[in-house]
Amino acid sequence: MSRIDLFLIGLALANLHAFVRFWQDKRAAKAGHRRTPEATLLTAALFGGFGAWLGQHLLRHKTRKEPFRTELGLVILIHLAAVAGIVWWLLSGWMPSDLQALQSPTNSR
């Protein structure tokens, strides 16, 4: 499995986790139980932005609450920029020279 495959699997799992966190919080809100802290939801969104966005919109959860709505939007933008950068890095094959030295066989004759 390539590095990009592993990254995409991890990204899919992070998105699923973020969606589930929003679903659990929505369920707790309806039942009057203890809620998930907003900081936890925002952290989940940092790693699984699309899942968090889907959770917010499909479940209609925290769509009117400010400043959470704005903060979530900013976190998702950071997530998208980070994902784009990581994908570019993985596809370009660029690697710092220290890491390249570890991957290439040494000619110690």
N, C-alpha and C. Protein backbone atom coordinates (compact mmCIF):
# COMPACT_ATOMS: atom_id res chain seq x y z
N MET A 1 0.84 -1.17 0.00
CA MET A 1 0.00 0.00 0.00
C MET A 1 0.89 1.24 0.00
N SER A 2 0.54 2.21 -0.82
CA SER A 2 1.36 3.41 -0.92
C SER A 2 1.04 4.39 0.22
N ARG A 3 1.88 5.40 0.33
CA ARG A 3 1.68 6.42 1.36
C ARG A 3 0.37 7.17 1.14
N ILE A 4 0.04 7.43 -0.13
CA ILE A 4 -1.20 8.16 -0.41
C ILE A 4 -2.42 7.31 -0.03
N ASP A 5 -2.34 6.00 -0.27
CA ASP A 5 -3.44 5.11 0.13
C ASP A 5 -3.63 5.14 1.64
N LEU A 6 -2.55 5.05 2.38
CA LEU A 6 -2.64 5.08 3.84
C LEU A 6 -3.19 6.41 4.33
N PHE A 7 -2.76 7.50 3.69
CA PHE A 7 -3.27 8.81 4.07
C PHE A 7 -4.77 8.91 3.82
N LEU A 8 -5.22 8.43 2.66
CA LEU A 8 -6.65 8.51 2.33
C LEU A 8 -7.50 7.64 3.26
N ILE A 9 -6.99 6.49 3.65
CA ILE A 9 -7.71 5.64 4.61
C ILE A 9 -7.81 6.37 5.96
N GLY A 10 -6.70 6.95 6.40
CA GLY A 10 -6.72 7.71 7.65
C GLY A 10 -7.66 8.89 7.58
N LEU A 11 -7.68 9.57 6.45
CA LEU A 11 -8.57 10.72 6.26
C LEU A 11 -10.03 10.28 6.30
N ALA A 12 -10.34 9.16 5.66
CA ALA A 12 -11.72 8.65 5.67
C ALA A 12 -12.15 8.29 7.10
N LEU A 13 -11.25 7.67 7.85
CA LEU A 13 -11.57 7.32 9.24
C LEU A 13 -11.76 8.57 10.10
N ALA A 14 -10.94 9.59 9.88
CA ALA A 14 -11.07 10.84 10.62
C ALA A 14 -12.41 11.52 10.30
N ASN A 15 -12.81 11.47 9.04
CA ASN A 15 -14.10 12.06 8.64
C ASN A 15 -15.26 11.30 9.26
N LEU A 16 -15.17 9.98 9.29
CA LEU A 16 -16.20 9.17 9.92
C LEU A 16 -16.28 9.49 11.41
N HIS A 17 -15.12 9.60 12.06
CA HIS A 17 -15.08 9.93 13.48
C HIS A 17 -15.73 11.28 13.76
N ALA A 18 -15.42 12.27 12.93
CA ALA A 18 -16.00 13.61 13.12
C ALA A 18 -17.52 13.57 12.96
N PHE A 19 -17.99 12.85 11.95
CA PHE A 19 -19.44 12.75 11.75
C PHE A 19 -20.11 12.09 12.96
N VAL A 20 -19.51 11.01 13.44
CA VAL A 20 -20.07 10.29 14.59
C VAL A 20 -20.10 11.19 15.83
N ARG A 21 -19.06 12.01 16.02
CA ARG A 21 -19.05 12.93 17.18
C ARG A 21 -20.21 13.91 17.10
N PHE A 22 -20.48 14.46 15.91
CA PHE A 22 -21.61 15.38 15.74
C PHE A 22 -22.93 14.64 15.97
N TRP A 23 -23.05 13.40 15.47
CA TRP A 23 -24.25 12.61 15.65
C TRP A 23 -24.49 12.33 17.14
N GLN A 24 -23.42 11.95 17.86
CA GLN A 24 -23.56 11.67 19.30
C GLN A 24 -23.99 12.92 20.06
N ASP A 25 -23.42 14.07 19.69
CA ASP A 25 -23.78 15.30 20.39
C ASP A 25 -25.22 15.69 20.09
N LYS A 26 -25.65 15.50 18.86
CA LYS A 26 -27.04 15.81 18.51
C LYS A 26 -27.99 14.91 19.29
N ARG A 27 -27.65 13.64 19.38
CA ARG A 27 -28.47 12.68 20.14
C ARG A 27 -28.52 13.06 21.62
N ALA A 28 -27.37 13.45 22.18
CA ALA A 28 -27.33 13.86 23.59
C ALA A 28 -28.15 15.13 23.81
N ALA A 29 -28.11 16.05 22.84
CA ALA A 29 -28.88 17.29 22.97
C ALA A 29 -30.38 16.99 23.00
N LYS A 30 -30.83 16.10 22.14
CA LYS A 30 -32.25 15.75 22.10
C LYS A 30 -32.69 15.05 23.38
N ALA A 31 -31.80 14.22 23.94
CA ALA A 31 -32.14 13.43 25.13
C ALA A 31 -31.91 14.20 26.42
N GLY A 32 -31.28 15.38 26.33
CA GLY A 32 -30.99 16.17 27.53
C GLY A 32 -29.83 15.62 28.34
N HIS A 33 -28.96 14.87 27.70
CA HIS A 33 -27.78 14.30 28.38
C HIS A 33 -26.58 15.23 28.25
N ARG A 34 -25.49 14.78 28.87
CA ARG A 34 -24.24 15.56 28.84
C ARG A 34 -23.75 15.70 27.40
N ARG A 35 -23.37 16.94 27.04
CA ARG A 35 -23.00 17.27 25.67
C ARG A 35 -21.50 17.15 25.46
N THR A 36 -21.12 17.02 24.20
CA THR A 36 -19.72 17.02 23.80
C THR A 36 -19.24 18.47 23.80
N PRO A 37 -18.09 18.76 24.42
CA PRO A 37 -17.58 20.14 24.39
C PRO A 37 -17.32 20.61 22.96
N GLU A 38 -17.58 21.89 22.72
CA GLU A 38 -17.36 22.44 21.39
C GLU A 38 -15.91 22.29 20.95
N ALA A 39 -14.98 22.41 21.89
CA ALA A 39 -13.56 22.25 21.54
C ALA A 39 -13.29 20.86 21.00
N THR A 40 -13.98 19.86 21.52
CA THR A 40 -13.81 18.49 21.03
C THR A 40 -14.35 18.36 19.61
N LEU A 41 -15.50 18.97 19.37
CA LEU A 41 -16.07 18.94 18.01
C LEU A 41 -15.17 19.67 17.02
N LEU A 42 -14.59 20.79 17.43
CA LEU A 42 -13.70 21.53 16.54
C LEU A 42 -12.41 20.76 16.28
N THR A 43 -11.91 20.05 17.28
CA THR A 43 -10.71 19.23 17.08
C THR A 43 -11.02 18.09 16.11
N ALA A 44 -12.17 17.47 16.26
CA ALA A 44 -12.57 16.41 15.31
C ALA A 44 -12.66 16.98 13.90
N ALA A 45 -13.16 18.21 13.78
CA ALA A 45 -13.28 18.85 12.48
C ALA A 45 -11.91 19.18 11.88
N LEU A 46 -10.93 19.44 12.72
CA LEU A 46 -9.59 19.74 12.21
C LEU A 46 -9.03 18.55 11.45
N PHE A 47 -9.33 17.35 11.91
CA PHE A 47 -8.82 16.15 11.26
C PHE A 47 -9.81 15.55 10.26
N GLY A 48 -11.09 15.76 10.47
CA GLY A 48 -12.12 15.21 9.59
C GLY A 48 -13.11 16.27 9.19
N GLY A 49 -12.65 17.24 8.44
CA GLY A 49 -13.45 18.42 8.11
C GLY A 49 -14.73 18.12 7.35
N PHE A 50 -14.65 17.27 6.33
CA PHE A 50 -15.84 16.98 5.54
C PHE A 50 -16.88 16.23 6.38
N GLY A 51 -16.43 15.30 7.21
CA GLY A 51 -17.35 14.58 8.09
C GLY A 51 -18.04 15.51 9.07
N ALA A 52 -17.29 16.48 9.60
CA ALA A 52 -17.87 17.46 10.52
C ALA A 52 -18.89 18.33 9.79
N TRP A 53 -18.54 18.76 8.59
CA TRP A 53 -19.45 19.60 7.81
C TRP A 53 -20.73 18.83 7.49
N LEU A 54 -20.58 17.56 7.07
CA LEU A 54 -21.76 16.73 6.81
C LEU A 54 -22.60 16.55 8.06
N GLY A 55 -21.93 16.29 9.18
CA GLY A 55 -22.64 16.12 10.44
C GLY A 55 -23.43 17.35 10.81
N GLN A 56 -22.82 18.50 10.62
CA GLN A 56 -23.52 19.75 10.96
C GLN A 56 -24.74 19.95 10.06
N HIS A 57 -24.56 19.73 8.77
CA HIS A 57 -25.64 20.06 7.84
C HIS A 57 -26.70 18.96 7.71
N LEU A 58 -26.29 17.71 7.63
CA LEU A 58 -27.29 16.65 7.50
C LEU A 58 -28.10 16.47 8.78
N LEU A 59 -27.43 16.63 9.92
CA LEU A 59 -28.12 16.47 11.20
C LEU A 59 -28.75 17.77 11.70
N ARG A 60 -28.48 18.85 10.99
CA ARG A 60 -28.93 20.20 11.39
C ARG A 60 -28.53 20.47 12.84
N HIS A 61 -27.24 20.31 13.07
CA HIS A 61 -26.71 20.44 14.42
C HIS A 61 -25.76 21.63 14.51
N LYS A 62 -26.07 22.55 15.39
CA LYS A 62 -25.28 23.75 15.64
C LYS A 62 -25.14 24.62 14.38
N THR A 63 -26.18 24.67 13.59
CA THR A 63 -26.13 25.46 12.36
C THR A 63 -26.39 26.94 12.61
N ARG A 64 -27.03 27.28 13.74
CA ARG A 64 -27.32 28.68 14.03
C ARG A 64 -26.52 29.23 15.19
N LYS A 65 -25.74 28.39 15.85
CA LYS A 65 -25.03 28.82 17.05
C LYS A 65 -23.73 29.54 16.68
N GLU A 66 -23.67 30.80 17.02
CA GLU A 66 -22.44 31.58 16.85
C GLU A 66 -21.76 31.69 18.20
N PRO A 67 -20.47 31.72 18.31
CA PRO A 67 -19.47 31.77 17.25
C PRO A 67 -19.05 30.39 16.73
N PHE A 68 -19.70 29.31 17.20
CA PHE A 68 -19.29 27.97 16.79
C PHE A 68 -19.35 27.80 15.28
N ARG A 69 -20.39 28.29 14.65
CA ARG A 69 -20.54 28.13 13.20
C ARG A 69 -19.37 28.75 12.45
N THR A 70 -18.97 29.95 12.86
CA THR A 70 -17.84 30.62 12.22
C THR A 70 -16.53 29.90 12.52
N GLU A 71 -16.36 29.48 13.77
CA GLU A 71 -15.14 28.76 14.15
C GLU A 71 -15.03 27.45 13.37
N LEU A 72 -16.14 26.75 13.20
CA LEU A 72 -16.12 25.50 12.45
C LEU A 72 -15.72 25.76 11.00
N GLY A 73 -16.25 26.82 10.42
CA GLY A 73 -15.86 27.17 9.05
C GLY A 73 -14.38 27.43 8.91
N LEU A 74 -13.80 28.15 9.88
CA LEU A 74 -12.36 28.42 9.84
C LEU A 74 -11.54 27.14 10.02
N VAL A 75 -11.97 26.29 10.93
CA VAL A 75 -11.26 25.02 11.16
C VAL A 75 -11.32 24.15 9.90
N ILE A 76 -12.46 24.13 9.23
CA ILE A 76 -12.58 23.34 8.01
C ILE A 76 -11.69 23.91 6.91
N LEU A 77 -11.56 25.22 6.82
CA LEU A 77 -10.64 25.82 5.85
C LEU A 77 -9.19 25.42 6.14
N ILE A 78 -8.82 25.42 7.40
CA ILE A 78 -7.48 24.99 7.79
C ILE A 78 -7.29 23.52 7.42
N HIS A 79 -8.31 22.71 7.69
CA HIS A 79 -8.27 21.29 7.35
C HIS A 79 -8.05 21.10 5.85
N LEU A 80 -8.82 21.81 5.03
CA LEU A 80 -8.70 21.67 3.58
C LEU A 80 -7.32 22.08 3.08
N ALA A 81 -6.79 23.17 3.64
CA ALA A 81 -5.44 23.61 3.24
C ALA A 81 -4.40 22.56 3.63
N ALA A 82 -4.54 21.99 4.82
CA ALA A 82 -3.59 20.97 5.27
C ALA A 82 -3.68 19.72 4.41
N VAL A 83 -4.90 19.28 4.10
CA VAL A 83 -5.07 18.10 3.25
C VAL A 83 -4.48 18.35 1.87
N ALA A 84 -4.73 19.52 1.30
CA ALA A 84 -4.17 19.84 -0.02
C ALA A 84 -2.64 19.81 0.03
N GLY A 85 -2.06 20.38 1.08
CA GLY A 85 -0.61 20.37 1.21
C GLY A 85 -0.04 18.98 1.37
N ILE A 86 -0.70 18.16 2.16
CA ILE A 86 -0.21 16.79 2.37
C ILE A 86 -0.34 15.97 1.08
N VAL A 87 -1.45 16.11 0.37
CA VAL A 87 -1.63 15.39 -0.89
C VAL A 87 -0.58 15.84 -1.89
N TRP A 88 -0.33 17.14 -1.99
CA TRP A 88 0.70 17.64 -2.90
C TRP A 88 2.05 17.04 -2.53
N TRP A 89 2.37 17.04 -1.24
CA TRP A 89 3.64 16.50 -0.79
C TRP A 89 3.76 15.02 -1.12
N LEU A 90 2.71 14.25 -0.89
CA LEU A 90 2.75 12.82 -1.15
C LEU A 90 2.85 12.52 -2.65
N LEU A 91 2.15 13.28 -3.47
CA LEU A 91 2.18 13.04 -4.91
C LEU A 91 3.43 13.56 -5.59
N SER A 92 4.02 14.60 -5.02
CA SER A 92 5.21 15.19 -5.66
C SER A 92 6.46 14.38 -5.39
N GLY A 93 6.43 13.57 -4.35
CA GLY A 93 7.61 12.79 -4.03
C GLY A 93 8.68 13.60 -3.33
N TRP A 94 8.39 14.87 -3.04
CA TRP A 94 9.37 15.71 -2.35
C TRP A 94 9.58 15.19 -0.94
N MET A 95 10.83 15.19 -0.54
CA MET A 95 11.14 14.71 0.80
C MET A 95 12.41 15.44 1.26
N PRO A 96 12.45 15.87 2.51
CA PRO A 96 13.67 16.51 3.01
C PRO A 96 14.87 15.57 2.85
N SER A 97 16.03 16.16 2.66
CA SER A 97 17.23 15.37 2.38
C SER A 97 17.54 14.37 3.49
N ASP A 98 17.23 14.71 4.74
CA ASP A 98 17.48 13.77 5.84
C ASP A 98 16.65 12.51 5.69
N LEU A 99 15.40 12.65 5.26
CA LEU A 99 14.55 11.49 5.07
C LEU A 99 14.95 10.71 3.83
N GLN A 100 15.40 11.41 2.78
CA GLN A 100 15.85 10.73 1.57
C GLN A 100 17.07 9.86 1.88
N ALA A 101 17.95 10.37 2.73
CA ALA A 101 19.14 9.60 3.10
C ALA A 101 18.76 8.32 3.83
N LEU A 102 17.70 8.38 4.61
CA LEU A 102 17.25 7.17 5.31
C LEU A 102 16.63 6.16 4.37
N GLN A 103 15.99 6.62 3.30
CA GLN A 103 15.34 5.71 2.36
C GLN A 103 16.29 5.12 1.34
N SER A 104 17.29 5.87 0.91
CA SER A 104 18.17 5.36 -0.13
C SER A 104 19.26 4.49 0.48
N PRO A 105 19.63 3.44 -0.23
CA PRO A 105 20.69 2.57 0.30
C PRO A 105 22.03 3.31 0.28
N THR A 106 22.81 3.07 1.31
CA THR A 106 24.10 3.75 1.40
C THR A 106 25.16 2.91 0.71
N ASN A 107 26.06 3.60 0.08
CA ASN A 107 27.19 2.93 -0.60
C ASN A 107 28.40 3.05 0.30
N SER A 108 28.54 2.18 1.23
CA SER A 108 29.66 2.25 2.17
C SER A 108 30.68 1.17 1.84
N ARG A 109 31.44 1.41 0.79
CA ARG A 109 32.48 0.45 0.39
C ARG A 109 33.83 0.94 0.76
